[in-house]
Structure formats: structure tokens, C-alpha cells
Amino acid sequence: WGPAGLLLVLGALLWAVGRSVFVFLAFALLAAFVSP
């Protein structure tokens, strides 16, 4: 689950520094795609 978790954390960090929620959703979708 490491790659998926890393993408979720990165998306959350980007969202926290002022990026759009859509950035987080894009990273979450990518995390789901690389997950088992």
C-alpha cells in the first residue's frame, strides 16, 4: 500500500498549502489506481 499511501499524503499536503480540492481528488484517484 506504500505507493497509494504516498500519493494520498502528497495530495493532502498540496491541498493543505493552498491547492484546490481537485488536486487532492486527482491524487486520490491516482492512489486508487496504483493500489491493489
PDB file of all heavy atoms in Angstrom:
ATOM      1  N   TRP A   1       0.802  -1.214   0.000  1.00  0.00           N
ATOM      2  CA  TRP A   1       0.000   0.000   0.000  1.00  0.00           C
ATOM      3  C   TRP A   1       0.839   1.271   0.000  1.00  0.00           C
ATOM      4  O   TRP A   1       0.298   2.375  -0.032  1.00  0.00           O
ATOM      5  CB  TRP A   1      -0.939   0.000   1.210  1.00  0.00           C
ATOM      6  CG  TRP A   1      -2.049  -0.972   1.027  1.00  0.00           C
ATOM      7  CD1 TRP A   1      -2.084  -2.272   1.451  1.00  0.00           C
ATOM      8  CD2 TRP A   1      -3.277  -0.757   0.355  1.00  0.00           C
ATOM      9  NE1 TRP A   1      -3.251  -2.863   1.085  1.00  0.00           N
ATOM     10  CE2 TRP A   1      -4.010  -1.960   0.400  1.00  0.00           C
ATOM     11  CE3 TRP A   1      -3.825   0.340  -0.306  1.00  0.00           C
ATOM     12  CZ2 TRP A   1      -5.268  -2.087  -0.169  1.00  0.00           C
ATOM     13  CZ3 TRP A   1      -5.085   0.208  -0.869  1.00  0.00           C
ATOM     14  CH2 TRP A   1      -5.784  -0.996  -0.796  1.00  0.00           C
ATOM     15  N   GLY A   2       2.147   1.125   0.034  1.00  0.00           N
ATOM     16  CA  GLY A   2       3.047   2.271   0.109  1.00  0.00           C
ATOM     17  C   GLY A   2       2.852   3.305  -0.989  1.00  0.00           C
ATOM     18  O   GLY A   2       2.692   4.501  -0.702  1.00  0.00           O
ATOM     19  N   PRO A   3       2.871   2.898  -2.271  1.00  0.00           N
ATOM     20  CA  PRO A   3       2.693   3.902  -3.333  1.00  0.00           C
ATOM     21  C   PRO A   3       1.363   4.654  -3.236  1.00  0.00           C
ATOM     22  O   PRO A   3       1.315   5.870  -3.407  1.00  0.00           O
ATOM     23  CB  PRO A   3       2.761   3.075  -4.614  1.00  0.00           C
ATOM     24  CG  PRO A   3       3.555   1.860  -4.250  1.00  0.00           C
ATOM     25  CD  PRO A   3       3.190   1.576  -2.817  1.00  0.00           C
ATOM     26  N   ALA A   4       0.285   3.933  -2.919  1.00  0.00           N
ATOM     27  CA  ALA A   4      -1.025   4.588  -2.799  1.00  0.00           C
ATOM     28  C   ALA A   4      -1.039   5.544  -1.607  1.00  0.00           C
ATOM     29  O   ALA A   4      -1.536   6.671  -1.708  1.00  0.00           O
ATOM     30  CB  ALA A   4      -2.125   3.539  -2.657  1.00  0.00           C
ATOM     31  N   GLY A   5      -0.490   5.114  -0.488  1.00  0.00           N
ATOM     32  CA  GLY A   5      -0.434   5.972   0.696  1.00  0.00           C
ATOM     33  C   GLY A   5       0.399   7.215   0.459  1.00  0.00           C
ATOM     34  O   GLY A   5       0.034   8.315   0.887  1.00  0.00           O
ATOM     35  N   LEU A   6       1.519   7.059  -0.226  1.00  0.00           N
ATOM     36  CA  LEU A   6       2.377   8.198  -0.539  1.00  0.00           C
ATOM     37  C   LEU A   6       1.639   9.221  -1.403  1.00  0.00           C
ATOM     38  O   LEU A   6       1.733  10.428  -1.162  1.00  0.00           O
ATOM     39  CB  LEU A   6       3.644   7.716  -1.243  1.00  0.00           C
ATOM     40  CG  LEU A   6       4.686   8.769  -1.554  1.00  0.00           C
ATOM     41  CD1 LEU A   6       5.236   9.378  -0.271  1.00  0.00           C
ATOM     42  CD2 LEU A   6       5.810   8.152  -2.364  1.00  0.00           C
ATOM     43  N   LEU A   7       0.892   8.749  -2.382  1.00  0.00           N
ATOM     44  CA  LEU A   7       0.125   9.667  -3.231  1.00  0.00           C
ATOM     45  C   LEU A   7      -0.957  10.395  -2.439  1.00  0.00           C
ATOM     46  O   LEU A   7      -1.186  11.588  -2.658  1.00  0.00           O
ATOM     47  CB  LEU A   7      -0.485   8.912  -4.419  1.00  0.00           C
ATOM     48  CG  LEU A   7       0.500   8.528  -5.512  1.00  0.00           C
ATOM     49  CD1 LEU A   7      -0.136   7.562  -6.500  1.00  0.00           C
ATOM     50  CD2 LEU A   7       0.998   9.767  -6.245  1.00  0.00           C
ATOM     51  N   LEU A   8      -1.613   9.690  -1.531  1.00  0.00           N
ATOM     52  CA  LEU A   8      -2.632  10.340  -0.700  1.00  0.00           C
ATOM     53  C   LEU A   8      -2.014  11.411   0.192  1.00  0.00           C
ATOM     54  O   LEU A   8      -2.562  12.513   0.325  1.00  0.00           O
ATOM     55  CB  LEU A   8      -3.363   9.309   0.156  1.00  0.00           C
ATOM     56  CG  LEU A   8      -4.460   8.511  -0.527  1.00  0.00           C
ATOM     57  CD1 LEU A   8      -5.029   7.464   0.418  1.00  0.00           C
ATOM     58  CD2 LEU A   8      -5.563   9.427  -1.026  1.00  0.00           C
ATOM     59  N   VAL A   9      -0.883  11.097   0.800  1.00  0.00           N
ATOM     60  CA  VAL A   9      -0.217  12.068   1.663  1.00  0.00           C
ATOM     61  C   VAL A   9       0.234  13.274   0.849  1.00  0.00           C
ATOM     62  O   VAL A   9       0.044  14.429   1.260  1.00  0.00           O
ATOM     63  CB  VAL A   9       0.975  11.416   2.399  1.00  0.00           C
ATOM     64  CG1 VAL A   9       1.858  12.451   3.074  1.00  0.00           C
ATOM     65  CG2 VAL A   9       0.462  10.394   3.408  1.00  0.00           C
ATOM     66  N   LEU A  10       0.815  13.039  -0.313  1.00  0.00           N
ATOM     67  CA  LEU A  10       1.256  14.140  -1.172  1.00  0.00           C
ATOM     68  C   LEU A  10       0.080  15.013  -1.590  1.00  0.00           C
ATOM     69  O   LEU A  10       0.155  16.242  -1.549  1.00  0.00           O
ATOM     70  CB  LEU A  10       1.984  13.596  -2.396  1.00  0.00           C
ATOM     71  CG  LEU A  10       2.577  14.623  -3.345  1.00  0.00           C
ATOM     72  CD1 LEU A  10       3.565  15.526  -2.616  1.00  0.00           C
ATOM     73  CD2 LEU A  10       3.254  13.928  -4.503  1.00  0.00           C
ATOM     74  N   GLY A  11      -1.031  14.394  -1.965  1.00  0.00           N
ATOM     75  CA  GLY A  11      -2.223  15.154  -2.325  1.00  0.00           C
ATOM     76  C   GLY A  11      -2.750  15.974  -1.166  1.00  0.00           C
ATOM     77  O   GLY A  11      -3.134  17.138  -1.329  1.00  0.00           O
ATOM     78  N   ALA A  12      -2.747  15.398   0.032  1.00  0.00           N
ATOM     79  CA  ALA A  12      -3.213  16.122   1.218  1.00  0.00           C
ATOM     80  C   ALA A  12      -2.293  17.302   1.536  1.00  0.00           C
ATOM     81  O   ALA A  12      -2.764  18.389   1.896  1.00  0.00           O
ATOM     82  CB  ALA A  12      -3.290  15.169   2.409  1.00  0.00           C
ATOM     83  N   LEU A  13      -0.982  17.088   1.386  1.00  0.00           N
ATOM     84  CA  LEU A  13      -0.037  18.185   1.625  1.00  0.00           C
ATOM     85  C   LEU A  13      -0.232  19.323   0.627  1.00  0.00           C
ATOM     86  O   LEU A  13      -0.207  20.501   1.006  1.00  0.00           O
ATOM     87  CB  LEU A  13       1.396  17.670   1.567  1.00  0.00           C
ATOM     88  CG  LEU A  13       1.848  16.812   2.739  1.00  0.00           C
ATOM     89  CD1 LEU A  13       3.237  16.238   2.478  1.00  0.00           C
ATOM     90  CD2 LEU A  13       1.829  17.602   4.027  1.00  0.00           C
ATOM     91  N   LEU A  14      -0.430  18.977  -0.620  1.00  0.00           N
ATOM     92  CA  LEU A  14      -0.664  20.013  -1.633  1.00  0.00           C
ATOM     93  C   LEU A  14      -1.963  20.775  -1.360  1.00  0.00           C
ATOM     94  O   LEU A  14      -2.039  21.981  -1.547  1.00  0.00           O
ATOM     95  CB  LEU A  14      -0.674  19.402  -3.037  1.00  0.00           C
ATOM     96  CG  LEU A  14       0.684  18.956  -3.567  1.00  0.00           C
ATOM     97  CD1 LEU A  14       0.522  18.208  -4.880  1.00  0.00           C
ATOM     98  CD2 LEU A  14       1.599  20.150  -3.749  1.00  0.00           C
ATOM     99  N   TRP A  15      -2.970  20.059  -0.917  1.00  0.00           N
ATOM    100  CA  TRP A  15      -4.245  20.689  -0.584  1.00  0.00           C
ATOM    101  C   TRP A  15      -4.058  21.619   0.613  1.00  0.00           C
ATOM    102  O   TRP A  15      -4.584  22.731   0.650  1.00  0.00           O
ATOM    103  CB  TRP A  15      -5.274  19.615  -0.303  1.00  0.00           C
ATOM    104  CG  TRP A  15      -6.664  20.112  -0.032  1.00  0.00           C
ATOM    105  CD1 TRP A  15      -7.197  21.328  -0.375  1.00  0.00           C
ATOM    106  CD2 TRP A  15      -7.697  19.404   0.623  1.00  0.00           C
ATOM    107  NE1 TRP A  15      -8.512  21.406   0.024  1.00  0.00           N
ATOM    108  CE2 TRP A  15      -8.843  20.221   0.640  1.00  0.00           C
ATOM    109  CE3 TRP A  15      -7.789  18.141   1.184  1.00  0.00           C
ATOM    110  CZ2 TRP A  15     -10.042  19.829   1.210  1.00  0.00           C
ATOM    111  CZ3 TRP A  15      -8.986  17.739   1.741  1.00  0.00           C
ATOM    112  CH2 TRP A  15     -10.099  18.589   1.757  1.00  0.00           C
ATOM    113  N   ALA A  16      -3.253  21.177   1.596  1.00  0.00           N
ATOM    114  CA  ALA A  16      -3.043  21.973   2.805  1.00  0.00           C
ATOM    115  C   ALA A  16      -2.282  23.265   2.535  1.00  0.00           C
ATOM    116  O   ALA A  16      -2.482  24.256   3.243  1.00  0.00           O
ATOM    117  CB  ALA A  16      -2.289  21.143   3.842  1.00  0.00           C
ATOM    118  N   VAL A  17      -1.429  23.292   1.520  1.00  0.00           N
ATOM    119  CA  VAL A  17      -0.666  24.517   1.230  1.00  0.00           C
ATOM    120  C   VAL A  17      -1.392  25.419   0.248  1.00  0.00           C
ATOM    121  O   VAL A  17      -0.792  26.318  -0.327  1.00  0.00           O
ATOM    122  CB  VAL A  17       0.764  24.195   0.716  1.00  0.00           C
ATOM    123  CG1 VAL A  17       1.570  23.486   1.772  1.00  0.00           C
ATOM    124  CG2 VAL A  17       0.732  23.418  -0.580  1.00  0.00           C
ATOM    125  N   GLY A  18      -2.671  25.186   0.068  1.00  0.00           N
ATOM    126  CA  GLY A  18      -3.453  26.127  -0.708  1.00  0.00           C
ATOM    127  C   GLY A  18      -3.881  25.681  -2.089  1.00  0.00           C
ATOM    128  O   GLY A  18      -4.479  26.453  -2.824  1.00  0.00           O
ATOM    129  N   ARG A  19      -3.580  24.475  -2.443  1.00  0.00           N
ATOM    130  CA  ARG A  19      -4.050  23.994  -3.738  1.00  0.00           C
ATOM    131  C   ARG A  19      -5.533  23.638  -3.641  1.00  0.00           C
ATOM    132  O   ARG A  19      -6.092  23.491  -2.569  1.00  0.00           O
ATOM    133  CB  ARG A  19      -3.256  22.765  -4.188  1.00  0.00           C
ATOM    134  CG  ARG A  19      -1.791  22.968  -4.318  1.00  0.00           C
ATOM    135  CD  ARG A  19      -1.477  23.728  -5.588  1.00  0.00           C
ATOM    136  NE  ARG A  19      -0.026  23.773  -5.749  1.00  0.00           N
ATOM    137  CZ  ARG A  19       0.629  24.839  -6.088  1.00  0.00           C
ATOM    138  NH1 ARG A  19       0.007  25.962  -6.294  1.00  0.00           N
ATOM    139  NH2 ARG A  19       1.923  24.800  -6.222  1.00  0.00           N
ATOM    140  N   SER A  20      -6.127  23.439  -4.753  1.00  0.00           N
ATOM    141  CA  SER A  20      -7.549  23.139  -4.842  1.00  0.00           C
ATOM    142  C   SER A  20      -7.844  21.726  -4.322  1.00  0.00           C
ATOM    143  O   SER A  20      -6.995  20.846  -4.324  1.00  0.00           O
ATOM    144  CB  SER A  20      -7.966  23.264  -6.308  1.00  0.00           C
ATOM    145  OG  SER A  20      -9.127  22.549  -6.577  1.00  0.00           O
ATOM    146  N   VAL A  21      -9.073  21.531  -3.907  1.00  0.00           N
ATOM    147  CA  VAL A  21      -9.533  20.200  -3.514  1.00  0.00           C
ATOM    148  C   VAL A  21      -9.459  19.249  -4.710  1.00  0.00           C
ATOM    149  O   VAL A  21      -9.289  18.042  -4.535  1.00  0.00           O
ATOM    150  CB  VAL A  21     -10.956  20.255  -2.917  1.00  0.00           C
ATOM    151  CG1 VAL A  21     -11.980  20.588  -3.979  1.00  0.00           C
ATOM    152  CG2 VAL A  21     -11.304  18.947  -2.240  1.00  0.00           C
ATOM    153  N   PHE A  22      -9.535  19.791  -5.903  1.00  0.00           N
ATOM    154  CA  PHE A  22      -9.447  18.962  -7.101  1.00  0.00           C
ATOM    155  C   PHE A  22      -8.066  18.331  -7.238  1.00  0.00           C
ATOM    156  O   PHE A  22      -7.932  17.237  -7.763  1.00  0.00           O
ATOM    157  CB  PHE A  22      -9.807  19.764  -8.348  1.00  0.00           C
ATOM    158  CG  PHE A  22     -11.235  20.224  -8.334  1.00  0.00           C
ATOM    159  CD1 PHE A  22     -11.538  21.568  -8.178  1.00  0.00           C
ATOM    160  CD2 PHE A  22     -12.273  19.319  -8.445  1.00  0.00           C
ATOM    161  CE1 PHE A  22     -12.843  21.997  -8.135  1.00  0.00           C
ATOM    162  CE2 PHE A  22     -13.590  19.734  -8.409  1.00  0.00           C
ATOM    163  CZ  PHE A  22     -13.883  21.080  -8.252  1.00  0.00           C
ATOM    164  N   VAL A  23      -7.035  19.014  -6.746  1.00  0.00           N
ATOM    165  CA  VAL A  23      -5.686  18.437  -6.747  1.00  0.00           C
ATOM    166  C   VAL A  23      -5.671  17.212  -5.846  1.00  0.00           C
ATOM    167  O   VAL A  23      -5.151  16.156  -6.216  1.00  0.00           O
ATOM    168  CB  VAL A  23      -4.632  19.468  -6.294  1.00  0.00           C
ATOM    169  CG1 VAL A  23      -3.273  18.823  -6.100  1.00  0.00           C
ATOM    170  CG2 VAL A  23      -4.543  20.609  -7.287  1.00  0.00           C
ATOM    171  N   PHE A  24      -6.267  17.345  -4.663  1.00  0.00           N
ATOM    172  CA  PHE A  24      -6.335  16.204  -3.751  1.00  0.00           C
ATOM    173  C   PHE A  24      -7.123  15.063  -4.375  1.00  0.00           C
ATOM    174  O   PHE A  24      -6.721  13.899  -4.308  1.00  0.00           O
ATOM    175  CB  PHE A  24      -6.962  16.587  -2.415  1.00  0.00           C
ATOM    176  CG  PHE A  24      -7.178  15.405  -1.518  1.00  0.00           C
ATOM    177  CD1 PHE A  24      -6.100  14.792  -0.895  1.00  0.00           C
ATOM    178  CD2 PHE A  24      -8.446  14.876  -1.328  1.00  0.00           C
ATOM    179  CE1 PHE A  24      -6.286  13.675  -0.082  1.00  0.00           C
ATOM    180  CE2 PHE A  24      -8.644  13.775  -0.523  1.00  0.00           C
ATOM    181  CZ  PHE A  24      -7.556  13.160   0.106  1.00  0.00           C
ATOM    182  N   LEU A  25      -8.253  15.373  -4.993  1.00  0.00           N
ATOM    183  CA  LEU A  25      -9.065  14.336  -5.620  1.00  0.00           C
ATOM    184  C   LEU A  25      -8.312  13.642  -6.753  1.00  0.00           C
ATOM    185  O   LEU A  25      -8.431  12.420  -6.932  1.00  0.00           O
ATOM    186  CB  LEU A  25     -10.383  14.919  -6.121  1.00  0.00           C
ATOM    187  CG  LEU A  25     -11.350  15.376  -5.038  1.00  0.00           C
ATOM    188  CD1 LEU A  25     -12.577  16.026  -5.655  1.00  0.00           C
ATOM    189  CD2 LEU A  25     -11.732  14.223  -4.130  1.00  0.00           C
ATOM    190  N   ALA A  26      -7.528  14.393  -7.492  1.00  0.00           N
ATOM    191  CA  ALA A  26      -6.725  13.800  -8.563  1.00  0.00           C
ATOM    192  C   ALA A  26      -5.696  12.832  -7.981  1.00  0.00           C
ATOM    193  O   ALA A  26      -5.507  11.726  -8.498  1.00  0.00           O
ATOM    194  CB  ALA A  26      -6.036  14.888  -9.381  1.00  0.00           C
ATOM    195  N   PHE A  27      -5.048  13.239  -6.880  1.00  0.00           N
ATOM    196  CA  PHE A  27      -4.078  12.351  -6.242  1.00  0.00           C
ATOM    197  C   PHE A  27      -4.765  11.139  -5.631  1.00  0.00           C
ATOM    198  O   PHE A  27      -4.222  10.036  -5.651  1.00  0.00           O
ATOM    199  CB  PHE A  27      -3.267  13.112  -5.190  1.00  0.00           C
ATOM    200  CG  PHE A  27      -2.067  13.807  -5.760  1.00  0.00           C
ATOM    201  CD1 PHE A  27      -2.183  15.071  -6.315  1.00  0.00           C
ATOM    202  CD2 PHE A  27      -0.829  13.200  -5.758  1.00  0.00           C
ATOM    203  CE1 PHE A  27      -1.093  15.722  -6.848  1.00  0.00           C
ATOM    204  CE2 PHE A  27       0.274  13.836  -6.296  1.00  0.00           C
ATOM    205  CZ  PHE A  27       0.151  15.101  -6.845  1.00  0.00           C
ATOM    206  N   ALA A  28      -5.965  11.327  -5.075  1.00  0.00           N
ATOM    207  CA  ALA A  28      -6.708  10.202  -4.504  1.00  0.00           C
ATOM    208  C   ALA A  28      -7.100   9.204  -5.591  1.00  0.00           C
ATOM    209  O   ALA A  28      -7.017   7.988  -5.390  1.00  0.00           O
ATOM    210  CB  ALA A  28      -7.950  10.711  -3.771  1.00  0.00           C
ATOM    211  N   LEU A  29      -7.497   9.716  -6.747  1.00  0.00           N
ATOM    212  CA  LEU A  29      -7.841   8.829  -7.862  1.00  0.00           C
ATOM    213  C   LEU A  29      -6.614   8.057  -8.340  1.00  0.00           C
ATOM    214  O   LEU A  29      -6.681   6.852  -8.587  1.00  0.00           O
ATOM    215  CB  LEU A  29      -8.440   9.648  -9.009  1.00  0.00           C
ATOM    216  CG  LEU A  29      -8.957   8.867 -10.207  1.00  0.00           C
ATOM    217  CD1 LEU A  29     -10.085   7.933  -9.791  1.00  0.00           C
ATOM    218  CD2 LEU A  29      -9.449   9.823 -11.271  1.00  0.00           C
ATOM    219  N   LEU A  30      -5.495   8.750  -8.434  1.00  0.00           N
ATOM    220  CA  LEU A  30      -4.249   8.090  -8.822  1.00  0.00           C
ATOM    221  C   LEU A  30      -3.839   7.054  -7.774  1.00  0.00           C
ATOM    222  O   LEU A  30      -3.381   5.960  -8.113  1.00  0.00           O
ATOM    223  CB  LEU A  30      -3.145   9.127  -9.018  1.00  0.00           C
ATOM    224  CG  LEU A  30      -1.842   8.630  -9.610  1.00  0.00           C
ATOM    225  CD1 LEU A  30      -2.059   7.980 -10.970  1.00  0.00           C
ATOM    226  CD2 LEU A  30      -0.861   9.781  -9.739  1.00  0.00           C
ATOM    227  N   ALA A  31      -4.038   7.366  -6.502  1.00  0.00           N
ATOM    228  CA  ALA A  31      -3.727   6.418  -5.427  1.00  0.00           C
ATOM    229  C   ALA A  31      -4.582   5.161  -5.564  1.00  0.00           C
ATOM    230  O   ALA A  31      -4.089   4.045  -5.392  1.00  0.00           O
ATOM    231  CB  ALA A  31      -3.942   7.069  -4.066  1.00  0.00           C
ATOM    232  N   ALA A  32      -5.851   5.333  -5.871  1.00  0.00           N
ATOM    233  CA  ALA A  32      -6.720   4.173  -6.070  1.00  0.00           C
ATOM    234  C   ALA A  32      -6.248   3.345  -7.259  1.00  0.00           C
ATOM    235  O   ALA A  32      -6.290   2.112  -7.226  1.00  0.00           O
ATOM    236  CB  ALA A  32      -8.166   4.626  -6.282  1.00  0.00           C
ATOM    237  N   PHE A  33      -5.778   4.021  -8.289  1.00  0.00           N
ATOM    238  CA  PHE A  33      -5.320   3.325  -9.494  1.00  0.00           C
ATOM    239  C   PHE A  33      -4.074   2.489  -9.227  1.00  0.00           C
ATOM    240  O   PHE A  33      -3.927   1.407  -9.781  1.00  0.00           O
ATOM    241  CB  PHE A  33      -5.064   4.331 -10.620  1.00  0.00           C
ATOM    242  CG  PHE A  33      -4.699   3.700 -11.926  1.00  0.00           C
ATOM    243  CD1 PHE A  33      -5.637   2.995 -12.649  1.00  0.00           C
ATOM    244  CD2 PHE A  33      -3.417   3.801 -12.419  1.00  0.00           C
ATOM    245  CE1 PHE A  33      -5.303   2.396 -13.852  1.00  0.00           C
ATOM    246  CE2 PHE A  33      -3.068   3.212 -13.613  1.00  0.00           C
ATOM    247  CZ  PHE A  33      -4.020   2.508 -14.341  1.00  0.00           C
ATOM    248  N   VAL A  34      -3.169   2.962  -8.368  1.00  0.00           N
ATOM    249  CA  VAL A  34      -1.940   2.207  -8.098  1.00  0.00           C
ATOM    250  C   VAL A  34      -2.093   1.252  -6.914  1.00  0.00           C
ATOM    251  O   VAL A  34      -1.180   0.484  -6.625  1.00  0.00           O
ATOM    252  CB  VAL A  34      -0.712   3.127  -7.867  1.00  0.00           C
ATOM    253  CG1 VAL A  34      -0.468   4.004  -9.055  1.00  0.00           C
ATOM    254  CG2 VAL A  34      -0.832   3.922  -6.593  1.00  0.00           C
ATOM    255  N   SER A  35      -3.222   1.267  -6.256  1.00  0.00           N
ATOM    256  CA  SER A  35      -3.434   0.385  -5.111  1.00  0.00           C
ATOM    257  C   SER A  35      -3.778  -1.027  -5.590  1.00  0.00           C
ATOM    258  O   SER A  35      -4.147  -1.230  -6.753  1.00  0.00           O
ATOM    259  CB  SER A  35      -4.581   0.916  -4.249  1.00  0.00           C
ATOM    260  OG  SER A  35      -5.820   0.621  -4.846  1.00  0.00           O
ATOM    261  N   PRO A  36      -3.692  -1.986  -4.687  1.00  0.00           N
ATOM    262  CA  PRO A  36      -4.081  -3.359  -5.044  1.00  0.00           C
ATOM    263  C   PRO A  36      -5.576  -3.523  -5.313  1.00  0.00           C
ATOM    264  O   PRO A  36      -6.002  -4.571  -5.782  1.00  0.00           O
ATOM    265  CB  PRO A  36      -3.679  -4.171  -3.807  1.00  0.00           C
ATOM    266  CG  PRO A  36      -2.692  -3.343  -3.079  1.00  0.00           C
ATOM    267  CD  PRO A  36      -3.039  -1.920  -3.391  1.00  0.00           C
TER     268      PRO A  36
END
